[in-house]
């Protein structure tokens, strides 16, 4: 399945999920927005499936602040995406110095190893590591798995360290 098709399914699934959480809690869009610290406009766009992708911030805040788990939202939203790690990978060859640096300095979770284990394409990782790309929730879920972290651990730390700045802050 193409990436744009997967994103469309995930936007649809997330919209359905958010609507079901809002209804289950018996809240209006405004009250749900306040509970989850996601703007009312974004809640409306998510429910009406007017987003291009699932925001890491919305994914995390809606899951946790509405009383759900990252695992449940992951399983609800990512029904068509493979979230299993790659086990038969081959690292790109490095020079002697590059191998030395990987083994002695970088540790167990180098860019190369994360790329190979998660199956996230090199350019995509370059974009989220070095350029202006923002990680999708599924990418951080895969990186958590590849680095032996608890589901949601890196997402929580990332959201806490880099909160969205609101107008006037």
N, C-alpha and C. Protein backbone atom coordinates (compact mmCIF):
# COMPACT_ATOMS: atom_id res chain seq x y z
N UNK A 1 0.86 -1.17 0.00
CA UNK A 1 0.00 0.00 0.00
C UNK A 1 0.91 1.24 0.00
N UNK A 2 0.54 2.24 -0.76
CA UNK A 2 1.31 3.48 -0.87
C UNK A 2 1.20 4.30 0.42
N UNK A 3 2.22 5.12 0.67
CA UNK A 3 2.26 5.95 1.88
C UNK A 3 1.05 6.87 1.99
N UNK A 4 0.63 7.49 0.89
CA UNK A 4 -0.52 8.40 0.94
C UNK A 4 -1.81 7.65 1.28
N UNK A 5 -1.91 6.40 0.84
CA UNK A 5 -3.09 5.58 1.18
C UNK A 5 -3.09 5.23 2.67
N UNK A 6 -1.91 4.88 3.19
CA UNK A 6 -1.80 4.58 4.62
C UNK A 6 -2.16 5.80 5.45
N UNK A 7 -1.64 6.97 5.07
CA UNK A 7 -1.94 8.20 5.81
C UNK A 7 -3.43 8.49 5.80
N UNK A 8 -4.08 8.28 4.67
CA UNK A 8 -5.53 8.53 4.57
C UNK A 8 -6.30 7.60 5.52
N UNK A 9 -5.91 6.34 5.58
CA UNK A 9 -6.56 5.38 6.48
C UNK A 9 -6.33 5.79 7.93
N UNK A 10 -5.10 6.21 8.24
CA UNK A 10 -4.77 6.59 9.62
C UNK A 10 -5.50 7.86 10.05
N UNK A 11 -5.63 8.82 9.15
CA UNK A 11 -6.39 10.04 9.45
C UNK A 11 -7.85 9.67 9.71
N UNK A 12 -8.40 8.79 8.89
CA UNK A 12 -9.77 8.32 9.07
C UNK A 12 -9.93 7.59 10.40
N UNK A 13 -9.03 6.65 10.69
CA UNK A 13 -9.09 5.89 11.95
C UNK A 13 -8.95 6.81 13.16
N UNK A 14 -8.04 7.79 13.08
CA UNK A 14 -7.84 8.69 14.21
C UNK A 14 -9.07 9.57 14.41
N UNK A 15 -9.67 10.03 13.33
CA UNK A 15 -10.90 10.81 13.43
C UNK A 15 -12.01 10.01 14.10
N UNK A 16 -12.16 8.76 13.70
CA UNK A 16 -13.17 7.89 14.32
C UNK A 16 -12.86 7.65 15.79
N UNK A 17 -11.58 7.45 16.08
CA UNK A 17 -11.15 7.23 17.47
C UNK A 17 -11.48 8.45 18.34
N UNK A 18 -11.11 9.64 17.87
CA UNK A 18 -11.35 10.85 18.65
C UNK A 18 -12.84 11.06 18.86
N UNK A 19 -13.63 10.87 17.83
CA UNK A 19 -15.08 11.00 17.96
C UNK A 19 -15.61 10.01 19.00
N UNK A 20 -15.14 8.77 18.95
CA UNK A 20 -15.62 7.77 19.91
C UNK A 20 -15.21 8.11 21.35
N UNK A 21 -14.00 8.65 21.55
CA UNK A 21 -13.54 9.07 22.89
C UNK A 21 -14.40 10.22 23.39
N UNK A 22 -14.66 11.17 22.52
CA UNK A 22 -15.46 12.34 22.89
C UNK A 22 -16.87 11.92 23.29
N UNK A 23 -17.46 11.02 22.51
CA UNK A 23 -18.82 10.53 22.81
C UNK A 23 -18.82 9.71 24.09
N UNK A 24 -17.83 8.82 24.23
CA UNK A 24 -17.76 7.97 25.43
C UNK A 24 -17.65 8.82 26.70
N UNK A 25 -16.97 9.94 26.61
CA UNK A 25 -16.81 10.82 27.76
C UNK A 25 -17.96 11.82 27.89
N UNK A 26 -18.86 11.83 26.89
CA UNK A 26 -20.02 12.71 26.92
C UNK A 26 -19.66 14.19 26.85
N UNK A 27 -18.66 14.51 26.04
CA UNK A 27 -18.17 15.88 25.98
C UNK A 27 -18.43 16.53 24.63
N UNK A 28 -18.60 17.84 24.66
CA UNK A 28 -18.67 18.62 23.43
C UNK A 28 -17.27 18.73 22.85
N UNK A 29 -17.16 19.21 21.62
CA UNK A 29 -15.84 19.43 21.04
C UNK A 29 -15.01 20.36 21.92
N UNK A 30 -15.64 21.42 22.41
CA UNK A 30 -14.93 22.40 23.22
C UNK A 30 -14.45 21.79 24.53
N UNK A 31 -15.30 21.02 25.19
CA UNK A 31 -14.93 20.40 26.46
C UNK A 31 -13.84 19.34 26.25
N UNK A 32 -13.95 18.60 25.16
CA UNK A 32 -12.92 17.60 24.85
C UNK A 32 -11.60 18.28 24.53
N UNK A 33 -11.66 19.39 23.82
CA UNK A 33 -10.45 20.16 23.50
C UNK A 33 -9.78 20.64 24.78
N UNK A 34 -10.57 21.14 25.69
CA UNK A 34 -10.02 21.63 26.97
C UNK A 34 -9.40 20.47 27.75
N UNK A 35 -10.06 19.34 27.81
CA UNK A 35 -9.56 18.17 28.53
C UNK A 35 -8.22 17.70 27.97
N UNK A 36 -8.11 17.70 26.66
CA UNK A 36 -6.92 17.13 26.01
C UNK A 36 -5.85 18.16 25.66
N UNK A 37 -6.13 19.44 25.90
CA UNK A 37 -5.18 20.51 25.58
C UNK A 37 -4.85 20.54 24.09
N UNK A 38 -5.84 20.20 23.28
CA UNK A 38 -5.74 20.30 21.82
C UNK A 38 -6.81 21.31 21.41
N UNK A 39 -6.49 22.23 20.53
CA UNK A 39 -7.44 23.29 20.20
C UNK A 39 -8.76 22.71 19.66
N UNK A 40 -9.81 23.47 19.90
CA UNK A 40 -11.12 23.06 19.39
C UNK A 40 -11.12 22.95 17.88
N UNK A 41 -10.40 23.85 17.22
CA UNK A 41 -10.28 23.78 15.76
C UNK A 41 -9.63 22.50 15.30
N UNK A 42 -8.56 22.09 16.01
CA UNK A 42 -7.89 20.84 15.65
C UNK A 42 -8.79 19.63 15.93
N UNK A 43 -9.52 19.65 17.04
CA UNK A 43 -10.44 18.54 17.34
C UNK A 43 -11.45 18.42 16.21
N UNK A 44 -12.01 19.54 15.78
CA UNK A 44 -12.98 19.54 14.68
C UNK A 44 -12.35 19.00 13.39
N UNK A 45 -11.14 19.47 13.06
CA UNK A 45 -10.46 18.99 11.85
C UNK A 45 -10.17 17.49 11.93
N UNK A 46 -9.78 17.01 13.10
CA UNK A 46 -9.49 15.58 13.27
C UNK A 46 -10.76 14.76 13.07
N UNK A 47 -11.83 15.16 13.75
CA UNK A 47 -13.10 14.42 13.66
C UNK A 47 -13.65 14.46 12.24
N UNK A 48 -13.49 15.59 11.56
CA UNK A 48 -13.99 15.73 10.19
C UNK A 48 -12.99 15.27 9.14
N UNK A 49 -11.86 14.70 9.61
CA UNK A 49 -10.84 14.10 8.75
C UNK A 49 -10.28 15.10 7.73
N UNK A 50 -10.00 16.29 8.22
CA UNK A 50 -9.46 17.37 7.39
C UNK A 50 -7.95 17.55 7.60
N UNK A 51 -7.31 16.60 8.24
CA UNK A 51 -5.87 16.66 8.48
C UNK A 51 -5.15 15.83 7.42
N UNK A 52 -3.87 16.13 7.19
CA UNK A 52 -3.08 15.36 6.22
C UNK A 52 -2.44 14.14 6.86
N UNK A 53 -2.21 14.22 8.17
CA UNK A 53 -1.61 13.11 8.90
C UNK A 53 -1.99 13.24 10.36
N UNK A 54 -1.58 12.26 11.14
CA UNK A 54 -1.84 12.26 12.57
C UNK A 54 -0.68 12.98 13.26
N UNK A 55 -0.98 14.02 13.98
CA UNK A 55 0.04 14.78 14.71
C UNK A 55 0.50 14.00 15.93
N UNK A 56 1.80 13.99 16.15
CA UNK A 56 2.36 13.34 17.34
C UNK A 56 1.77 13.94 18.61
N UNK A 57 1.66 15.27 18.64
CA UNK A 57 1.14 15.95 19.82
C UNK A 57 -0.32 15.59 20.07
N UNK A 58 -1.15 15.64 19.04
CA UNK A 58 -2.57 15.29 19.20
C UNK A 58 -2.72 13.83 19.59
N UNK A 59 -1.96 12.96 18.95
CA UNK A 59 -1.99 11.53 19.24
C UNK A 59 -1.73 11.30 20.73
N UNK A 60 -0.66 11.88 21.24
CA UNK A 60 -0.28 11.68 22.63
C UNK A 60 -1.28 12.33 23.59
N UNK A 61 -1.56 13.62 23.38
CA UNK A 61 -2.42 14.33 24.32
C UNK A 61 -3.82 13.75 24.37
N UNK A 62 -4.37 13.41 23.22
CA UNK A 62 -5.73 12.86 23.21
C UNK A 62 -5.75 11.50 23.89
N UNK A 63 -4.75 10.68 23.62
CA UNK A 63 -4.70 9.36 24.26
C UNK A 63 -4.60 9.49 25.78
N UNK A 64 -3.57 10.16 26.24
CA UNK A 64 -3.27 10.21 27.67
C UNK A 64 -4.26 11.06 28.45
N UNK A 65 -4.53 12.26 27.96
CA UNK A 65 -5.39 13.17 28.72
C UNK A 65 -6.87 12.79 28.68
N UNK A 66 -7.25 11.91 27.75
CA UNK A 66 -8.64 11.43 27.75
C UNK A 66 -8.76 10.11 28.50
N UNK A 67 -7.65 9.67 29.10
CA UNK A 67 -7.69 8.48 29.95
C UNK A 67 -7.46 7.17 29.23
N UNK A 68 -6.87 7.19 28.06
CA UNK A 68 -6.61 5.96 27.31
C UNK A 68 -5.11 5.66 27.35
N UNK A 69 -4.70 4.64 26.60
CA UNK A 69 -3.29 4.26 26.55
C UNK A 69 -2.75 4.45 25.14
N UNK A 70 -1.45 4.64 25.05
CA UNK A 70 -0.79 4.74 23.74
C UNK A 70 -1.01 3.45 22.96
N UNK A 71 -0.93 2.31 23.64
CA UNK A 71 -1.11 1.02 22.96
C UNK A 71 -2.48 0.92 22.30
N UNK A 72 -3.52 1.35 23.00
CA UNK A 72 -4.87 1.27 22.45
C UNK A 72 -5.03 2.17 21.23
N UNK A 73 -4.51 3.39 21.32
CA UNK A 73 -4.61 4.31 20.18
C UNK A 73 -3.79 3.77 19.02
N UNK A 74 -2.60 3.27 19.30
CA UNK A 74 -1.75 2.68 18.25
C UNK A 74 -2.51 1.59 17.51
N UNK A 75 -3.12 0.68 18.27
CA UNK A 75 -3.82 -0.44 17.65
C UNK A 75 -5.09 -0.01 16.90
N UNK A 76 -5.68 1.10 17.31
CA UNK A 76 -6.88 1.62 16.66
C UNK A 76 -6.54 2.39 15.38
N UNK A 77 -5.47 3.16 15.42
CA UNK A 77 -5.12 4.04 14.30
C UNK A 77 -4.30 3.32 13.23
N UNK A 78 -3.35 2.52 13.65
CA UNK A 78 -2.40 1.92 12.70
C UNK A 78 -2.78 0.47 12.35
N UNK A 79 -3.96 0.32 11.78
CA UNK A 79 -4.48 -1.01 11.46
C UNK A 79 -3.86 -1.62 10.20
N UNK A 80 -3.30 -0.80 9.33
CA UNK A 80 -2.76 -1.29 8.06
C UNK A 80 -1.25 -1.15 7.96
N UNK A 81 -0.63 -0.52 8.94
CA UNK A 81 0.81 -0.27 8.89
C UNK A 81 1.54 -1.36 9.66
N UNK A 82 2.65 -1.81 9.10
CA UNK A 82 3.47 -2.82 9.76
C UNK A 82 4.34 -2.13 10.80
N UNK A 83 4.11 -2.45 12.07
CA UNK A 83 4.89 -1.87 13.15
C UNK A 83 5.85 -2.89 13.77
N UNK A 84 6.20 -3.90 12.99
CA UNK A 84 7.18 -4.89 13.44
C UNK A 84 8.57 -4.44 13.03
N UNK A 85 9.55 -4.77 13.85
CA UNK A 85 10.93 -4.41 13.52
C UNK A 85 11.49 -5.35 12.46
N UNK A 86 12.41 -4.85 11.68
CA UNK A 86 13.12 -5.64 10.68
C UNK A 86 14.21 -6.41 11.43
N UNK A 87 14.31 -7.70 11.18
CA UNK A 87 15.32 -8.50 11.89
C UNK A 87 16.46 -8.96 10.99
N UNK A 88 16.24 -8.95 9.69
CA UNK A 88 17.28 -9.44 8.77
C UNK A 88 17.89 -8.27 7.99
N UNK A 89 18.38 -7.28 8.73
CA UNK A 89 18.93 -6.09 8.09
C UNK A 89 20.44 -6.18 7.94
N UNK A 90 20.97 -5.38 7.03
CA UNK A 90 22.40 -5.28 6.83
C UNK A 90 22.76 -3.81 6.91
N UNK A 91 23.71 -3.49 7.79
CA UNK A 91 24.13 -2.10 7.94
C UNK A 91 24.93 -1.65 6.73
N UNK A 92 24.76 -0.38 6.38
CA UNK A 92 25.56 0.21 5.31
C UNK A 92 27.02 0.17 5.74
N UNK A 93 27.90 -0.16 4.81
CA UNK A 93 29.32 -0.27 5.16
C UNK A 93 29.89 1.09 5.51
N UNK A 94 30.74 1.09 6.52
CA UNK A 94 31.43 2.29 6.96
C UNK A 94 32.93 2.08 6.79
N UNK A 95 33.65 3.18 6.82
CA UNK A 95 35.11 3.10 6.83
C UNK A 95 35.54 2.55 8.19
N UNK A 96 36.82 2.25 8.33
CA UNK A 96 37.32 1.80 9.63
C UNK A 96 36.99 2.82 10.71
N UNK A 97 37.17 4.10 10.40
CA UNK A 97 36.87 5.14 11.38
C UNK A 97 35.37 5.17 11.69
N UNK A 98 34.56 5.05 10.67
CA UNK A 98 33.11 5.05 10.88
C UNK A 98 32.67 3.88 11.76
N UNK A 99 33.26 2.71 11.53
CA UNK A 99 32.95 1.53 12.36
C UNK A 99 33.42 1.76 13.79
N UNK A 100 34.63 2.31 13.93
CA UNK A 100 35.17 2.62 15.25
C UNK A 100 34.23 3.58 16.00
N UNK A 101 33.77 4.63 15.33
CA UNK A 101 32.89 5.61 15.96
C UNK A 101 31.55 4.98 16.36
N UNK A 102 31.00 4.14 15.49
CA UNK A 102 29.74 3.46 15.82
C UNK A 102 29.92 2.60 17.05
N UNK A 103 31.00 1.82 17.09
CA UNK A 103 31.20 0.88 18.18
C UNK A 103 31.64 1.54 19.48
N UNK A 104 32.46 2.58 19.38
CA UNK A 104 33.05 3.18 20.58
C UNK A 104 32.34 4.43 21.08
N UNK A 105 31.68 5.15 20.21
CA UNK A 105 31.12 6.44 20.59
C UNK A 105 29.60 6.45 20.53
N UNK A 106 29.05 5.96 19.43
CA UNK A 106 27.61 6.11 19.21
C UNK A 106 26.76 5.17 20.06
N UNK A 107 27.25 4.01 20.37
CA UNK A 107 26.46 3.08 21.17
C UNK A 107 25.60 2.17 20.34
N UNK A 108 24.60 1.61 20.98
CA UNK A 108 23.77 0.57 20.36
C UNK A 108 22.67 1.09 19.44
N UNK A 109 22.34 2.37 19.54
CA UNK A 109 21.19 2.88 18.79
C UNK A 109 21.58 3.98 17.82
N UNK A 110 22.48 3.64 16.92
CA UNK A 110 22.93 4.61 15.93
C UNK A 110 21.83 4.88 14.91
N UNK A 111 22.02 5.93 14.17
CA UNK A 111 21.13 6.28 13.06
C UNK A 111 20.96 5.07 12.15
N UNK A 112 22.09 4.43 11.79
CA UNK A 112 22.06 3.28 10.86
C UNK A 112 21.23 2.13 11.42
N UNK A 113 21.43 1.82 12.68
CA UNK A 113 20.73 0.69 13.29
C UNK A 113 19.24 1.00 13.40
N UNK A 114 18.90 2.22 13.81
CA UNK A 114 17.48 2.59 13.88
C UNK A 114 16.85 2.52 12.50
N UNK A 115 17.57 3.01 11.49
CA UNK A 115 17.06 2.96 10.11
C UNK A 115 16.81 1.51 9.69
N UNK A 116 17.76 0.64 9.97
CA UNK A 116 17.63 -0.75 9.54
C UNK A 116 16.53 -1.48 10.31
N UNK A 117 16.50 -1.34 11.62
CA UNK A 117 15.51 -2.05 12.44
C UNK A 117 14.08 -1.59 12.18
N UNK A 118 13.90 -0.28 12.01
CA UNK A 118 12.54 0.25 11.88
C UNK A 118 12.01 0.18 10.45
N UNK A 119 12.94 0.15 9.48
CA UNK A 119 12.51 0.19 8.09
C UNK A 119 12.15 1.59 7.63
N UNK A 120 12.37 2.60 8.48
CA UNK A 120 12.12 3.98 8.07
C UNK A 120 13.21 4.35 7.06
N UNK A 121 12.80 4.91 5.95
CA UNK A 121 13.75 5.22 4.89
C UNK A 121 14.77 6.26 5.33
N UNK A 122 15.98 6.15 4.78
CA UNK A 122 17.08 7.02 5.15
C UNK A 122 16.72 8.50 5.00
N UNK A 123 16.14 8.89 3.88
CA UNK A 123 15.81 10.30 3.67
C UNK A 123 14.79 10.77 4.69
N UNK A 124 13.84 9.92 5.03
CA UNK A 124 12.84 10.30 6.03
C UNK A 124 13.51 10.52 7.39
N UNK A 125 14.41 9.63 7.78
CA UNK A 125 15.13 9.83 9.04
C UNK A 125 15.99 11.08 8.99
N UNK A 126 16.63 11.33 7.86
CA UNK A 126 17.42 12.56 7.71
C UNK A 126 16.51 13.77 7.91
N UNK A 127 15.33 13.73 7.32
CA UNK A 127 14.39 14.84 7.45
C UNK A 127 13.98 15.08 8.90
N UNK A 128 13.70 14.00 9.65
CA UNK A 128 13.25 14.22 11.04
C UNK A 128 14.43 14.41 12.00
N UNK A 129 15.62 13.93 11.65
CA UNK A 129 16.80 14.14 12.50
C UNK A 129 17.43 15.51 12.25
N UNK A 130 17.52 15.93 10.99
CA UNK A 130 18.33 17.08 10.65
C UNK A 130 17.58 18.23 9.98
N UNK A 131 16.46 17.96 9.36
CA UNK A 131 15.75 18.99 8.62
C UNK A 131 14.49 19.40 9.38
N UNK A 132 13.49 19.86 8.70
CA UNK A 132 12.30 20.39 9.36
C UNK A 132 11.18 19.36 9.52
N UNK A 133 11.43 18.11 9.18
CA UNK A 133 10.40 17.09 9.31
C UNK A 133 10.05 16.82 10.76
N UNK A 134 8.79 16.51 11.01
CA UNK A 134 8.33 16.15 12.35
C UNK A 134 8.01 14.66 12.35
N UNK A 135 8.35 13.95 13.41
CA UNK A 135 8.07 12.51 13.43
C UNK A 135 6.58 12.22 13.51
N UNK A 136 6.17 11.22 12.76
CA UNK A 136 4.80 10.72 12.87
C UNK A 136 4.75 9.81 14.11
N UNK A 137 3.59 9.66 14.74
CA UNK A 137 3.51 8.79 15.91
C UNK A 137 4.03 7.37 15.63
N UNK A 138 3.70 6.79 14.48
CA UNK A 138 4.12 5.43 14.20
C UNK A 138 5.64 5.33 14.11
N UNK A 139 6.30 6.39 13.64
CA UNK A 139 7.76 6.37 13.54
C UNK A 139 8.40 6.34 14.92
N UNK A 140 7.88 7.16 15.82
CA UNK A 140 8.41 7.16 17.18
C UNK A 140 8.07 5.86 17.90
N UNK A 141 6.92 5.28 17.62
CA UNK A 141 6.57 3.97 18.19
C UNK A 141 7.57 2.90 17.73
N UNK A 142 7.94 2.93 16.45
CA UNK A 142 8.94 1.99 15.94
C UNK A 142 10.31 2.25 16.56
N UNK A 143 10.69 3.50 16.70
CA UNK A 143 11.98 3.84 17.30
C UNK A 143 12.01 3.39 18.76
N UNK A 144 10.90 3.55 19.47
CA UNK A 144 10.83 3.05 20.84
C UNK A 144 11.07 1.54 20.89
N UNK A 145 10.41 0.85 20.00
CA UNK A 145 10.55 -0.61 19.94
C UNK A 145 11.99 -0.99 19.59
N UNK A 146 12.58 -0.31 18.62
CA UNK A 146 13.93 -0.63 18.16
C UNK A 146 14.98 -0.37 19.25
N UNK A 147 14.70 0.59 20.13
CA UNK A 147 15.67 0.94 21.16
C UNK A 147 15.32 0.33 22.52
N UNK A 148 14.34 -0.57 22.52
CA UNK A 148 14.00 -1.28 23.76
C UNK A 148 13.28 -0.44 24.79
N UNK A 149 12.60 0.59 24.34
CA UNK A 149 11.87 1.46 25.26
C UNK A 149 10.45 0.97 25.45
N UNK A 150 9.83 1.42 26.53
CA UNK A 150 8.44 1.12 26.82
C UNK A 150 7.57 1.91 25.82
N UNK A 151 6.48 1.33 25.36
CA UNK A 151 5.59 2.01 24.43
C UNK A 151 5.11 3.32 25.02
N UNK A 152 5.33 4.39 24.29
CA UNK A 152 4.92 5.73 24.72
C UNK A 152 5.99 6.50 25.47
N UNK A 153 7.07 5.84 25.88
CA UNK A 153 8.11 6.48 26.69
C UNK A 153 8.77 7.65 25.97
N UNK A 154 9.26 7.43 24.75
CA UNK A 154 9.92 8.50 24.02
C UNK A 154 8.92 9.57 23.58
N UNK A 155 7.71 9.14 23.25
CA UNK A 155 6.67 10.11 22.87
C UNK A 155 6.43 11.06 24.03
N UNK A 156 6.25 10.51 25.22
CA UNK A 156 6.00 11.34 26.40
C UNK A 156 7.17 12.30 26.67
N UNK A 157 8.38 11.79 26.59
CA UNK A 157 9.55 12.63 26.83
C UNK A 157 9.67 13.73 25.77
N UNK A 158 9.42 13.39 24.52
CA UNK A 158 9.51 14.36 23.43
C UNK A 158 8.48 15.48 23.61
N UNK A 159 7.24 15.09 23.91
CA UNK A 159 6.16 16.07 24.09
C UNK A 159 6.47 16.98 25.27
N UNK A 160 7.01 16.42 26.35
CA UNK A 160 7.34 17.23 27.53
C UNK A 160 8.49 18.19 27.24
N UNK A 161 9.48 17.73 26.49
CA UNK A 161 10.65 18.56 26.22
C UNK A 161 10.39 19.62 25.15
N UNK A 162 9.54 19.31 24.18
CA UNK A 162 9.27 20.22 23.07
C UNK A 162 7.77 20.46 22.92
N UNK A 163 7.15 21.13 23.89
CA UNK A 163 5.72 21.39 23.79
C UNK A 163 5.42 22.36 22.65
N UNK A 164 4.22 22.28 22.15
CA UNK A 164 3.78 23.24 21.13
C UNK A 164 3.58 24.58 21.81
N UNK A 165 4.19 25.59 21.25
CA UNK A 165 4.03 26.94 21.80
C UNK A 165 2.73 27.54 21.27
N UNK A 166 1.92 28.00 22.19
CA UNK A 166 0.66 28.62 21.79
C UNK A 166 0.84 30.11 21.64
N UNK A 167 -0.03 30.73 20.87
CA UNK A 167 0.04 32.19 20.67
C UNK A 167 0.02 32.88 22.03
N UNK A 168 0.93 33.84 22.17
CA UNK A 168 0.98 34.59 23.42
C UNK A 168 1.96 34.02 24.43
N UNK A 169 2.49 32.81 24.17
CA UNK A 169 3.47 32.21 25.11
C UNK A 169 4.86 32.74 24.86
